[in-house]
Amino acid sequence: MTLTQARAIQQYLKDQGIVATVHKEYSGRGMYGRTVPAISCALVGHLWRAIGALGYDLDLSQDNMGIGHILY
């Protein structure tokens, strides 16, 4: 996912009253310091719905952060 795509997903969700956060440099499990753009939200279903609605075909990894989910 590019930073532009993450911001578009965030805006799509914001327009629906859903809060999502863009992370410019996320380093997930097993990434050993490598960073990528990411987006997080309380419910992962909101993220996947936005991705589909925007027509993105993304191969993403997902983590549960305890109080939310992040896709990167």
N, C-alpha and C. Protein backbone atom coordinates (compact mmCIF):
# COMPACT_ATOMS: atom_id res chain seq x y z
N MET A 1 0.84 -1.17 0.00
CA MET A 1 0.00 0.00 0.00
C MET A 1 0.89 1.24 0.00
N THR A 2 0.50 2.18 -0.80
CA THR A 2 1.22 3.45 -0.82
C THR A 2 0.63 4.39 0.22
N LEU A 3 1.36 5.43 0.54
CA LEU A 3 0.86 6.44 1.47
C LEU A 3 -0.39 7.11 0.90
N THR A 4 -0.41 7.33 -0.40
CA THR A 4 -1.57 7.93 -1.06
C THR A 4 -2.79 7.04 -0.91
N GLN A 5 -2.62 5.74 -1.09
CA GLN A 5 -3.74 4.81 -0.92
C GLN A 5 -4.23 4.80 0.53
N ALA A 6 -3.30 4.80 1.49
CA ALA A 6 -3.68 4.82 2.90
C ALA A 6 -4.49 6.07 3.22
N ARG A 7 -4.08 7.20 2.69
CA ARG A 7 -4.81 8.45 2.93
C ARG A 7 -6.19 8.43 2.28
N ALA A 8 -6.30 7.82 1.11
CA ALA A 8 -7.61 7.71 0.43
C ALA A 8 -8.55 6.81 1.24
N ILE A 9 -8.03 5.74 1.80
CA ILE A 9 -8.83 4.85 2.65
C ILE A 9 -9.29 5.61 3.89
N GLN A 10 -8.38 6.36 4.49
CA GLN A 10 -8.71 7.16 5.66
C GLN A 10 -9.82 8.15 5.34
N GLN A 11 -9.73 8.83 4.22
CA GLN A 11 -10.74 9.82 3.83
C GLN A 11 -12.08 9.15 3.57
N TYR A 12 -12.06 8.01 2.89
CA TYR A 12 -13.29 7.27 2.63
C TYR A 12 -13.99 6.95 3.95
N LEU A 13 -13.24 6.46 4.92
CA LEU A 13 -13.83 6.12 6.21
C LEU A 13 -14.28 7.36 6.97
N LYS A 14 -13.50 8.43 6.90
CA LYS A 14 -13.87 9.68 7.57
C LYS A 14 -15.20 10.19 7.05
N ASP A 15 -15.40 10.07 5.73
CA ASP A 15 -16.66 10.51 5.13
C ASP A 15 -17.85 9.72 5.66
N GLN A 16 -17.59 8.54 6.21
CA GLN A 16 -18.64 7.70 6.79
C GLN A 16 -18.68 7.79 8.31
N GLY A 17 -17.90 8.70 8.88
CA GLY A 17 -17.89 8.89 10.32
C GLY A 17 -17.05 7.88 11.08
N ILE A 18 -16.13 7.22 10.39
CA ILE A 18 -15.28 6.20 11.00
C ILE A 18 -13.86 6.73 11.12
N VAL A 19 -13.28 6.60 12.29
CA VAL A 19 -11.93 7.10 12.53
C VAL A 19 -10.90 6.03 12.14
N ALA A 20 -9.95 6.43 11.31
CA ALA A 20 -8.82 5.57 10.94
C ALA A 20 -7.57 6.43 11.00
N THR A 21 -6.45 5.81 11.28
CA THR A 21 -5.18 6.53 11.41
C THR A 21 -4.17 6.01 10.40
N VAL A 22 -3.55 6.93 9.68
CA VAL A 22 -2.49 6.59 8.74
C VAL A 22 -1.16 6.63 9.47
N HIS A 23 -0.34 5.62 9.23
CA HIS A 23 1.00 5.54 9.81
C HIS A 23 1.99 5.59 8.64
N LYS A 24 2.80 6.62 8.60
CA LYS A 24 3.74 6.79 7.48
C LYS A 24 4.84 5.74 7.48
N GLU A 25 5.29 5.34 8.66
CA GLU A 25 6.43 4.42 8.75
C GLU A 25 6.15 3.36 9.81
N TYR A 26 5.36 2.36 9.44
CA TYR A 26 5.03 1.27 10.36
C TYR A 26 6.02 0.13 10.16
N SER A 27 6.47 -0.45 11.25
CA SER A 27 7.34 -1.61 11.20
C SER A 27 6.66 -2.74 11.97
N GLY A 28 6.13 -3.71 11.25
CA GLY A 28 5.39 -4.80 11.86
C GLY A 28 6.28 -5.95 12.28
N ARG A 29 5.62 -6.99 12.74
CA ARG A 29 6.33 -8.18 13.20
C ARG A 29 7.17 -8.78 12.08
N GLY A 30 8.39 -9.11 12.41
CA GLY A 30 9.28 -9.75 11.46
C GLY A 30 9.80 -8.85 10.35
N MET A 31 9.59 -7.55 10.47
CA MET A 31 10.05 -6.63 9.42
C MET A 31 11.47 -6.13 9.70
N TYR A 32 11.98 -6.37 10.88
CA TYR A 32 13.37 -6.07 11.23
C TYR A 32 13.77 -4.63 10.92
N GLY A 33 12.89 -3.70 11.28
CA GLY A 33 13.18 -2.29 11.11
C GLY A 33 12.75 -1.68 9.78
N ARG A 34 12.41 -2.52 8.80
CA ARG A 34 11.91 -1.99 7.52
C ARG A 34 10.56 -1.34 7.79
N THR A 35 10.28 -0.21 7.17
CA THR A 35 9.01 0.48 7.41
C THR A 35 8.21 0.60 6.11
N VAL A 36 6.90 0.65 6.29
CA VAL A 36 5.96 0.80 5.17
C VAL A 36 4.78 1.64 5.63
N PRO A 37 4.04 2.24 4.70
CA PRO A 37 2.81 2.93 5.08
C PRO A 37 1.79 1.90 5.59
N ALA A 38 0.94 2.34 6.51
CA ALA A 38 -0.07 1.46 7.08
C ALA A 38 -1.28 2.28 7.49
N ILE A 39 -2.38 1.58 7.77
CA ILE A 39 -3.58 2.25 8.27
C ILE A 39 -4.19 1.39 9.36
N SER A 40 -4.69 2.04 10.40
CA SER A 40 -5.29 1.32 11.51
C SER A 40 -6.69 1.85 11.80
N CYS A 41 -7.49 0.95 12.40
CA CYS A 41 -8.88 1.27 12.71
C CYS A 41 -9.35 0.30 13.79
N ALA A 42 -10.39 0.65 14.51
CA ALA A 42 -10.90 -0.23 15.56
C ALA A 42 -11.41 -1.55 15.01
N LEU A 43 -12.07 -1.51 13.85
CA LEU A 43 -12.63 -2.72 13.25
C LEU A 43 -12.02 -2.96 11.88
N VAL A 44 -11.36 -4.09 11.72
CA VAL A 44 -10.66 -4.39 10.47
C VAL A 44 -11.64 -4.48 9.29
N GLY A 45 -12.87 -4.84 9.56
CA GLY A 45 -13.87 -4.91 8.50
C GLY A 45 -14.09 -3.58 7.81
N HIS A 46 -14.00 -2.50 8.57
CA HIS A 46 -14.13 -1.17 7.98
C HIS A 46 -13.01 -0.93 6.96
N LEU A 47 -11.81 -1.34 7.32
CA LEU A 47 -10.67 -1.14 6.42
C LEU A 47 -10.85 -1.93 5.13
N TRP A 48 -11.21 -3.21 5.25
CA TRP A 48 -11.38 -4.04 4.06
C TRP A 48 -12.53 -3.54 3.19
N ARG A 49 -13.61 -3.06 3.80
CA ARG A 49 -14.73 -2.53 3.03
C ARG A 49 -14.30 -1.29 2.24
N ALA A 50 -13.53 -0.42 2.86
CA ALA A 50 -13.04 0.78 2.18
C ALA A 50 -12.11 0.42 1.03
N ILE A 51 -11.24 -0.55 1.24
CA ILE A 51 -10.32 -0.99 0.19
C ILE A 51 -11.11 -1.50 -1.01
N GLY A 52 -12.12 -2.30 -0.75
CA GLY A 52 -12.96 -2.82 -1.83
C GLY A 52 -13.73 -1.73 -2.54
N ALA A 53 -14.30 -0.81 -1.77
CA ALA A 53 -15.09 0.28 -2.36
C ALA A 53 -14.24 1.18 -3.25
N LEU A 54 -12.97 1.34 -2.88
CA LEU A 54 -12.06 2.16 -3.68
C LEU A 54 -11.46 1.41 -4.85
N GLY A 55 -11.73 0.12 -4.94
CA GLY A 55 -11.25 -0.68 -6.06
C GLY A 55 -9.79 -1.07 -5.98
N TYR A 56 -9.22 -1.02 -4.79
CA TYR A 56 -7.82 -1.40 -4.63
C TYR A 56 -7.68 -2.92 -4.57
N ASP A 57 -6.66 -3.43 -5.23
CA ASP A 57 -6.31 -4.84 -5.16
C ASP A 57 -4.96 -4.91 -4.45
N LEU A 58 -5.00 -5.01 -3.13
CA LEU A 58 -3.79 -4.92 -2.32
C LEU A 58 -3.49 -6.25 -1.63
N ASP A 59 -2.24 -6.62 -1.60
CA ASP A 59 -1.77 -7.79 -0.86
C ASP A 59 -1.19 -7.27 0.45
N LEU A 60 -1.98 -7.31 1.51
CA LEU A 60 -1.60 -6.67 2.77
C LEU A 60 -1.41 -7.68 3.89
N SER A 61 -0.59 -7.29 4.84
CA SER A 61 -0.46 -8.03 6.09
C SER A 61 -1.32 -7.32 7.13
N GLN A 62 -1.69 -8.07 8.16
CA GLN A 62 -2.59 -7.53 9.18
C GLN A 62 -2.08 -7.92 10.55
N ASP A 63 -2.15 -6.97 11.48
CA ASP A 63 -1.83 -7.23 12.88
C ASP A 63 -2.97 -6.72 13.74
N ASN A 64 -3.16 -7.37 14.88
CA ASN A 64 -4.12 -6.92 15.88
C ASN A 64 -3.30 -6.23 16.96
N MET A 65 -3.62 -4.99 17.23
CA MET A 65 -2.85 -4.22 18.20
C MET A 65 -3.47 -4.24 19.59
N GLY A 66 -4.37 -5.15 19.84
CA GLY A 66 -5.02 -5.24 21.15
C GLY A 66 -6.29 -4.41 21.22
N ILE A 67 -6.25 -3.19 20.76
CA ILE A 67 -7.46 -2.34 20.77
C ILE A 67 -7.83 -1.90 19.36
N GLY A 68 -7.22 -2.46 18.37
CA GLY A 68 -7.50 -2.10 16.99
C GLY A 68 -6.73 -3.01 16.05
N HIS A 69 -6.89 -2.75 14.79
CA HIS A 69 -6.23 -3.54 13.75
C HIS A 69 -5.45 -2.63 12.82
N ILE A 70 -4.39 -3.15 12.26
CA ILE A 70 -3.57 -2.38 11.32
C ILE A 70 -3.31 -3.23 10.09
N LEU A 71 -3.43 -2.61 8.94
CA LEU A 71 -3.09 -3.24 7.66
C LEU A 71 -1.89 -2.53 7.09
N TYR A 72 -0.95 -3.32 6.57
CA TYR A 72 0.26 -2.74 6.00
C TYR A 72 0.76 -3.59 4.86
